Amino acid sequence: MGRPKDQLEFEGVTVLDLALRNCRDAGCGAPIVVTRINREAEIRAQLTASWPSARVVVNPSPELGQTSSLRIGLATLPAESRAFLVFPVDFPLIRASDVKALCQIFGGAEQYSSIKPTNRGEAPTSVPAREPDVVVPSFAHRRGHPVLVNAALAEAILLLPPDAPARQVLSAPDLYTIYMEVDDDRVLCDMDTPQAYADCLARYRARVRLNRSTSEP
């Protein structure tokens, strides 16, 4: 694609800026941005200008995969945090309203049931009125991103072996998980290829044209 995914542009806005803007507009706390050592100076310069509250941390071993970056970020999570958002940068079609809805569900979890999206025919599961472990956006009964995670799970993720996937914790069968079904596949659309970028960009532009009279593209 010719440049790092976080610097791909959508109508003049980088993917990284899109993600940070969505979190800000949803009312999230100060973001933690994890990058690799050879990108640190560039990312710090970008965030200092536009997102001074953001904290930049470096993953010294990005070759170990996404979980290693998640662990690096969680090591700096403020102790008072109730939850954290796992937001891969290459999901450009996510909206601020999606992030806000995840947060609202976390705060009002007693009105939801914990049903996996594959269990279409099952009756709602009765669960205690408490904060969920994970709130997951989904479409057509498929898990998407970003994922809101109860801060109580941070320690379990930090204790994972370096090469273990985070899903060992986040998809454990005994978790209280709430699935937030959305109306299209934007929570599934990442950008691993140039064609995927082109497809996401076309959809983003179409959404902007459709919603020019609103505050959120």
C-alpha atoms as a PDB file:
ATOM      1  CA  MET A   1       0.000   0.000   0.000  1.00  0.00           C
ATOM      2  CA  GLY A   2       3.075   2.188  -0.098  1.00  0.00           C
ATOM      3  CA  ARG A   3       2.925   3.420   3.505  1.00  0.00           C
ATOM      4  CA  PRO A   4       2.018   2.215   6.991  1.00  0.00           C
ATOM      5  CA  LYS A   5      -1.653   1.416   7.428  1.00  0.00           C
ATOM      6  CA  ASP A   6      -2.087   4.024  10.143  1.00  0.00           C
ATOM      7  CA  GLN A   7      -1.089   6.727   7.637  1.00  0.00           C
ATOM      8  CA  LEU A   8      -3.543   5.742   4.903  1.00  0.00           C
ATOM      9  CA  GLU A   9      -5.866   8.663   4.254  1.00  0.00           C
ATOM     10  CA  PHE A  10      -9.638   8.977   4.132  1.00  0.00           C
ATOM     11  CA  GLU A  11     -10.638  12.326   2.691  1.00  0.00           C
ATOM     12  CA  GLY A  12      -7.441  13.910   4.013  1.00  0.00           C
ATOM     13  CA  VAL A  13      -7.612  12.273   7.471  1.00  0.00           C
ATOM     14  CA  THR A  14      -5.257   9.456   8.433  1.00  0.00           C
ATOM     15  CA  VAL A  15      -6.662   6.180   9.720  1.00  0.00           C
ATOM     16  CA  LEU A  16      -4.950   6.817  13.055  1.00  0.00           C
ATOM     17  CA  ASP A  17      -6.612  10.219  13.337  1.00  0.00           C
ATOM     18  CA  LEU A  18      -9.971   8.675  12.452  1.00  0.00           C
ATOM     19  CA  ALA A  19      -9.680   6.154  15.268  1.00  0.00           C
ATOM     20  CA  LEU A  20      -8.603   8.792  17.774  1.00  0.00           C
ATOM     21  CA  ARG A  21     -11.376  11.146  16.685  1.00  0.00           C
ATOM     22  CA  ASN A  22     -13.978   8.421  17.127  1.00  0.00           C
ATOM     23  CA  CYS A  23     -12.737   7.673  20.641  1.00  0.00           C
ATOM     24  CA  ARG A  24     -12.697  11.361  21.583  1.00  0.00           C
ATOM     25  CA  ASP A  25     -16.181  12.000  20.212  1.00  0.00           C
ATOM     26  CA  ALA A  26     -17.489   8.943  22.070  1.00  0.00           C
ATOM     27  CA  GLY A  27     -16.189  10.345  25.358  1.00  0.00           C
ATOM     28  CA  CYS A  28     -13.350   7.887  25.942  1.00  0.00           C
ATOM     29  CA  GLY A  29     -10.370   8.712  28.139  1.00  0.00           C
ATOM     30  CA  ALA A  30      -6.842   9.523  26.980  1.00  0.00           C
ATOM     31  CA  PRO A  31      -5.776   7.060  24.272  1.00  0.00           C
ATOM     32  CA  ILE A  32      -2.731   4.801  24.438  1.00  0.00           C
ATOM     33  CA  VAL A  33      -1.133   4.346  21.014  1.00  0.00           C
ATOM     34  CA  VAL A  34       1.246   1.419  20.572  1.00  0.00           C
ATOM     35  CA  THR A  35       3.817   1.580  17.788  1.00  0.00           C
ATOM     36  CA  ARG A  36       7.175   0.087  16.846  1.00  0.00           C
ATOM     37  CA  ILE A  37      10.535   1.685  17.557  1.00  0.00           C
ATOM     38  CA  ASN A  38      11.211   2.843  13.982  1.00  0.00           C
ATOM     39  CA  ARG A  39       7.877   4.722  13.913  1.00  0.00           C
ATOM     40  CA  GLU A  40       8.022   6.266  17.375  1.00  0.00           C
ATOM     41  CA  ALA A  41       9.350   9.704  16.398  1.00  0.00           C
ATOM     42  CA  GLU A  42       6.859  10.052  13.534  1.00  0.00           C
ATOM     43  CA  ILE A  43       3.863   9.020  15.635  1.00  0.00           C
ATOM     44  CA  ARG A  44       4.883  11.246  18.545  1.00  0.00           C
ATOM     45  CA  ALA A  45       5.183  14.233  16.222  1.00  0.00           C
ATOM     46  CA  GLN A  46       1.773  13.532  14.709  1.00  0.00           C
ATOM     47  CA  LEU A  47       0.050  13.121  18.064  1.00  0.00           C
ATOM     48  CA  THR A  48       1.764  16.062  19.758  1.00  0.00           C
ATOM     49  CA  ALA A  49       0.237  18.356  17.164  1.00  0.00           C
ATOM     50  CA  SER A  50      -3.284  16.927  17.137  1.00  0.00           C
ATOM     51  CA  TRP A  51      -3.766  14.689  20.188  1.00  0.00           C
ATOM     52  CA  PRO A  52      -1.650  16.008  23.086  1.00  0.00           C
ATOM     53  CA  SER A  53      -3.469  13.794  25.611  1.00  0.00           C
ATOM     54  CA  ALA A  54      -2.438  10.611  23.796  1.00  0.00           C
ATOM     55  CA  ARG A  55       0.269   8.426  25.297  1.00  0.00           C
ATOM     56  CA  VAL A  56       2.693   6.735  22.884  1.00  0.00           C
ATOM     57  CA  VAL A  57       4.326   3.474  23.940  1.00  0.00           C
ATOM     58  CA  VAL A  58       6.749   1.331  21.955  1.00  0.00           C
ATOM     59  CA  ASN A  59       6.450  -2.395  21.310  1.00  0.00           C
ATOM     60  CA  PRO A  60      10.060  -3.642  21.095  1.00  0.00           C
ATOM     61  CA  SER A  61       8.970  -6.993  19.622  1.00  0.00           C
ATOM     62  CA  PRO A  62       6.098  -6.389  17.163  1.00  0.00           C
ATOM     63  CA  GLU A  63       6.997  -9.618  15.393  1.00  0.00           C
ATOM     64  CA  LEU A  64       5.299 -11.434  18.288  1.00  0.00           C
ATOM     65  CA  GLY A  65       1.915 -10.218  17.026  1.00  0.00           C
ATOM     66  CA  GLN A  66      -0.996  -8.062  18.084  1.00  0.00           C
ATOM     67  CA  THR A  67      -1.229  -9.453  21.593  1.00  0.00           C
ATOM     68  CA  SER A  68       2.271  -8.214  22.336  1.00  0.00           C
ATOM     69  CA  SER A  69       1.149  -4.684  21.432  1.00  0.00           C
ATOM     70  CA  LEU A  70      -1.967  -5.047  23.564  1.00  0.00           C
ATOM     71  CA  ARG A  71       0.146  -6.115  26.542  1.00  0.00           C
ATOM     72  CA  ILE A  72       2.512  -3.168  26.089  1.00  0.00           C
ATOM     73  CA  GLY A  73      -0.455  -0.798  26.078  1.00  0.00           C
ATOM     74  CA  LEU A  74      -2.103  -2.416  29.099  1.00  0.00           C
ATOM     75  CA  ALA A  75       1.079  -2.023  31.116  1.00  0.00           C
ATOM     76  CA  THR A  76       0.411   1.741  31.085  1.00  0.00           C
ATOM     77  CA  LEU A  77      -3.355   1.564  31.674  1.00  0.00           C
ATOM     78  CA  PRO A  78      -4.324   3.951  34.501  1.00  0.00           C
ATOM     79  CA  ALA A  79      -5.180   2.091  37.700  1.00  0.00           C
ATOM     80  CA  GLU A  80      -8.562   3.808  37.979  1.00  0.00           C
ATOM     81  CA  SER A  81      -9.758   2.568  34.564  1.00  0.00           C
ATOM     82  CA  ARG A  82     -13.020   0.616  34.539  1.00  0.00           C
ATOM     83  CA  ALA A  83     -12.582  -0.625  30.983  1.00  0.00           C
ATOM     84  CA  PHE A  84     -10.363  -0.314  27.934  1.00  0.00           C
ATOM     85  CA  LEU A  85     -11.065  -0.322  24.216  1.00  0.00           C
ATOM     86  CA  VAL A  86      -9.076  -2.584  21.889  1.00  0.00           C
ATOM     87  CA  PHE A  87      -9.163  -0.632  18.633  1.00  0.00           C
ATOM     88  CA  PRO A  88      -7.015  -1.951  15.747  1.00  0.00           C
ATOM     89  CA  VAL A  89      -6.073   1.011  13.585  1.00  0.00           C
ATOM     90  CA  ASP A  90      -7.084  -0.653  10.312  1.00  0.00           C
ATOM     91  CA  PHE A  91     -10.857  -0.534  10.878  1.00  0.00           C
ATOM     92  CA  PRO A  92     -11.615   2.818   9.220  1.00  0.00           C
ATOM     93  CA  LEU A  93     -15.377   2.465   8.858  1.00  0.00           C
ATOM     94  CA  ILE A  94     -16.059   2.439  12.600  1.00  0.00           C
ATOM     95  CA  ARG A  95     -18.100   5.433  13.771  1.00  0.00           C
ATOM     96  CA  ALA A  96     -17.960   7.417  16.979  1.00  0.00           C
ATOM     97  CA  SER A  97     -21.540   6.310  17.607  1.00  0.00           C
ATOM     98  CA  ASP A  98     -20.383   2.668  17.566  1.00  0.00           C
ATOM     99  CA  VAL A  99     -17.772   3.354  20.241  1.00  0.00           C
ATOM    100  CA  LYS A 100     -20.255   5.362  22.299  1.00  0.00           C
ATOM    101  CA  ALA A 101     -22.825   2.555  22.082  1.00  0.00           C
ATOM    102  CA  LEU A 102     -20.270   0.029  23.362  1.00  0.00           C
ATOM    103  CA  CYS A 103     -19.563   2.296  26.338  1.00  0.00           C
ATOM    104  CA  GLN A 104     -23.265   2.813  27.039  1.00  0.00           C
ATOM    105  CA  ILE A 105     -23.874  -0.928  27.001  1.00  0.00           C
ATOM    106  CA  PHE A 106     -21.003  -1.449  29.424  1.00  0.00           C
ATOM    107  CA  GLY A 107     -22.564   1.081  31.769  1.00  0.00           C
ATOM    108  CA  GLY A 108     -26.080  -0.377  31.543  1.00  0.00           C
ATOM    109  CA  ALA A 109     -25.345  -4.064  31.188  1.00  0.00           C
ATOM    110  CA  GLU A 110     -28.179  -5.355  33.357  1.00  0.00           C
ATOM    111  CA  GLN A 111     -30.647  -4.922  30.500  1.00  0.00           C
ATOM    112  CA  TYR A 112     -28.750  -7.208  28.123  1.00  0.00           C
ATOM    113  CA  SER A 113     -28.270 -10.951  27.816  1.00  0.00           C
ATOM    114  CA  SER A 114     -24.990 -12.770  27.336  1.00  0.00           C
ATOM    115  CA  ILE A 115     -25.570 -14.814  24.184  1.00  0.00           C
ATOM    116  CA  LYS A 116     -22.901 -15.787  21.714  1.00  0.00           C
ATOM    117  CA  PRO A 117     -23.784 -14.682  18.171  1.00  0.00           C
ATOM    118  CA  THR A 118     -23.737 -18.267  16.900  1.00  0.00           C
ATOM    119  CA  ASN A 119     -26.500 -19.338  19.307  1.00  0.00           C
ATOM    120  CA  ARG A 120     -29.349 -17.971  17.232  1.00  0.00           C
ATOM    121  CA  GLY A 121     -32.116 -20.163  18.574  1.00  0.00           C
ATOM    122  CA  GLU A 122     -31.334 -20.067  22.255  1.00  0.00           C
ATOM    123  CA  ALA A 123     -33.369 -18.251  24.850  1.00  0.00           C
ATOM    124  CA  PRO A 124     -31.724 -15.290  26.626  1.00  0.00           C
ATOM    125  CA  THR A 125     -29.280 -16.288  29.309  1.00  0.00           C
ATOM    126  CA  SER A 126     -30.076 -15.026  32.791  1.00  0.00           C
ATOM    127  CA  VAL A 127     -27.042 -13.216  34.226  1.00  0.00           C
ATOM    128  CA  PRO A 128     -26.444 -11.186  37.373  1.00  0.00           C
ATOM    129  CA  ALA A 129     -26.756  -7.422  37.111  1.00  0.00           C
ATOM    130  CA  ARG A 130     -23.070  -6.535  36.891  1.00  0.00           C
ATOM    131  CA  GLU A 131     -20.557  -5.017  34.537  1.00  0.00           C
ATOM    132  CA  PRO A 132     -19.797  -7.287  31.584  1.00  0.00           C
ATOM    133  CA  ASP A 133     -16.353  -8.726  30.941  1.00  0.00           C
ATOM    134  CA  VAL A 134     -16.439  -7.923  27.237  1.00  0.00           C
ATOM    135  CA  VAL A 135     -18.711  -5.931  24.915  1.00  0.00           C
ATOM    136  CA  VAL A 136     -18.274  -6.983  21.279  1.00  0.00           C
ATOM    137  CA  PRO A 137     -19.772  -5.454  18.131  1.00  0.00           C
ATOM    138  CA  SER A 138     -21.041  -8.045  15.696  1.00  0.00           C
ATOM    139  CA  PHE A 139     -22.638  -8.369  12.292  1.00  0.00           C
ATOM    140  CA  ALA A 140     -24.407 -11.438  10.930  1.00  0.00           C
ATOM    141  CA  HIS A 141     -23.368 -13.273  14.103  1.00  0.00           C
ATOM    142  CA  ARG A 142     -19.645 -12.601  13.538  1.00  0.00           C
ATOM    143  CA  ARG A 143     -17.445 -10.870  16.116  1.00  0.00           C
ATOM    144  CA  GLY A 144     -15.985  -7.541  15.064  1.00  0.00           C
ATOM    145  CA  HIS A 145     -13.927  -4.590  16.329  1.00  0.00           C
ATOM    146  CA  PRO A 146     -13.349  -2.528  18.383  1.00  0.00           C
ATOM    147  CA  VAL A 147     -13.889  -4.512  21.575  1.00  0.00           C
ATOM    148  CA  LEU A 148     -14.581  -2.988  24.992  1.00  0.00           C
ATOM    149  CA  VAL A 149     -12.988  -4.974  27.801  1.00  0.00           C
ATOM    150  CA  ASN A 150     -13.479  -4.805  31.541  1.00  0.00           C
ATOM    151  CA  ALA A 151     -10.252  -3.587  33.160  1.00  0.00           C
ATOM    152  CA  ALA A 152     -10.432  -6.565  35.523  1.00  0.00           C
ATOM    153  CA  LEU A 153      -9.225  -8.738  32.613  1.00  0.00           C
ATOM    154  CA  ALA A 154      -6.065  -6.719  32.055  1.00  0.00           C
ATOM    155  CA  GLU A 155      -4.019  -8.811  34.466  1.00  0.00           C
ATOM    156  CA  ALA A 156      -4.990 -12.071  32.754  1.00  0.00           C
ATOM    157  CA  ILE A 157      -3.920 -10.661  29.382  1.00  0.00           C
ATOM    158  CA  LEU A 158      -0.629  -9.419  30.833  1.00  0.00           C
ATOM    159  CA  LEU A 159       0.055 -12.930  32.150  1.00  0.00           C
ATOM    160  CA  LEU A 160      -0.377 -14.569  28.740  1.00  0.00           C
ATOM    161  CA  PRO A 161       2.737 -16.097  27.125  1.00  0.00           C
ATOM    162  CA  PRO A 162       4.322 -13.677  24.617  1.00  0.00           C
ATOM    163  CA  ASP A 163       2.997 -15.504  21.556  1.00  0.00           C
ATOM    164  CA  ALA A 164      -0.448 -16.431  22.926  1.00  0.00           C
ATOM    165  CA  PRO A 165      -3.510 -14.810  21.307  1.00  0.00           C
ATOM    166  CA  ALA A 166      -5.591 -12.430  23.410  1.00  0.00           C
ATOM    167  CA  ARG A 167      -8.679 -14.445  22.504  1.00  0.00           C
ATOM    168  CA  GLN A 168      -7.567 -17.028  25.066  1.00  0.00           C
ATOM    169  CA  VAL A 169      -8.793 -14.490  27.604  1.00  0.00           C
ATOM    170  CA  LEU A 170     -11.330 -12.443  25.659  1.00  0.00           C
ATOM    171  CA  SER A 171     -13.220 -15.429  24.219  1.00  0.00           C
ATOM    172  CA  ALA A 172     -13.204 -17.630  27.303  1.00  0.00           C
ATOM    173  CA  PRO A 173     -16.569 -19.427  27.611  1.00  0.00           C
ATOM    174  CA  ASP A 174     -17.174 -18.348  31.205  1.00  0.00           C
ATOM    175  CA  LEU A 175     -17.026 -14.618  30.487  1.00  0.00           C
ATOM    176  CA  TYR A 176     -20.069 -12.375  30.687  1.00  0.00           C
ATOM    177  CA  THR A 177     -20.032 -11.191  27.065  1.00  0.00           C
ATOM    178  CA  ILE A 178     -22.534  -8.839  25.462  1.00  0.00           C
ATOM    179  CA  TYR A 179     -22.813  -8.703  21.684  1.00  0.00           C
ATOM    180  CA  MET A 180     -23.879  -5.442  20.059  1.00  0.00           C
ATOM    181  CA  GLU A 181     -25.325  -6.207  16.639  1.00  0.00           C
ATOM    182  CA  VAL A 182     -24.803  -3.427  14.067  1.00  0.00           C
ATOM    183  CA  ASP A 183     -26.592  -2.798  10.785  1.00  0.00           C
ATOM    184  CA  ASP A 184     -23.745  -3.487   8.336  1.00  0.00           C
ATOM    185  CA  ASP A 185     -20.330  -5.124   8.186  1.00  0.00           C
ATOM    186  CA  ARG A 186     -18.234  -2.063   9.079  1.00  0.00           C
ATOM    187  CA  VAL A 187     -17.096  -3.757  12.299  1.00  0.00           C
ATOM    188  CA  LEU A 188     -15.596  -6.579  10.207  1.00  0.00           C
ATOM    189  CA  CYS A 189     -13.853  -4.491   7.522  1.00  0.00           C
ATOM    190  CA  ASP A 190     -10.108  -4.215   8.016  1.00  0.00           C
ATOM    191  CA  MET A 191      -7.437  -3.309   5.472  1.00  0.00           C
ATOM    192  CA  ASP A 192      -4.908  -6.059   4.840  1.00  0.00           C
ATOM    193  CA  THR A 193      -4.572  -5.473   1.083  1.00  0.00           C
ATOM    194  CA  PRO A 194      -4.572  -2.527  -1.333  1.00  0.00           C
ATOM    195  CA  GLN A 195      -7.948  -3.704  -2.630  1.00  0.00           C
ATOM    196  CA  ALA A 196      -9.387  -3.710   0.881  1.00  0.00           C
ATOM    197  CA  TYR A 197      -8.160  -0.124   1.319  1.00  0.00           C
ATOM    198  CA  ALA A 198      -9.759   0.890  -1.977  1.00  0.00           C
ATOM    199  CA  ASP A 199     -13.036  -0.768  -0.996  1.00  0.00           C
ATOM    200  CA  CYS A 200     -13.088   0.903   2.441  1.00  0.00           C
ATOM    201  CA  LEU A 201     -12.224   4.272   0.917  1.00  0.00           C
ATOM    202  CA  ALA A 202     -15.068   3.992  -1.593  1.00  0.00           C
ATOM    203  CA  ARG A 203     -17.531   3.132   1.167  1.00  0.00           C
ATOM    204  CA  TYR A 204     -16.260   5.959   3.359  1.00  0.00           C
ATOM    205  CA  ARG A 205     -16.643   8.490   0.549  1.00  0.00           C
ATOM    206  CA  ALA A 206     -20.155   7.259  -0.180  1.00  0.00           C
ATOM    207  CA  ARG A 207     -21.055   7.637   3.494  1.00  0.00           C
ATOM    208  CA  VAL A 208     -19.648  11.154   3.592  1.00  0.00           C
ATOM    209  CA  ARG A 209     -21.709  12.137   0.565  1.00  0.00           C
ATOM    210  CA  LEU A 210     -24.822  10.626   2.083  1.00  0.00           C
ATOM    211  CA  ASN A 211     -24.368  12.336   5.429  1.00  0.00           C
ATOM    212  CA  ARG A 212     -22.984  15.743   4.559  1.00  0.00           C
ATOM    213  CA  SER A 213     -25.694  17.383   6.653  1.00  0.00           C
ATOM    214  CA  THR A 214     -24.710  15.422   9.781  1.00  0.00           C
ATOM    215  CA  SER A 215     -21.755  15.824  12.106  1.00  0.00           C
ATOM    216  CA  GLU A 216     -20.541  12.236  11.746  1.00  0.00           C
ATOM    217  CA  PRO A 217     -19.419  10.763   8.379  1.00  0.00           C
END
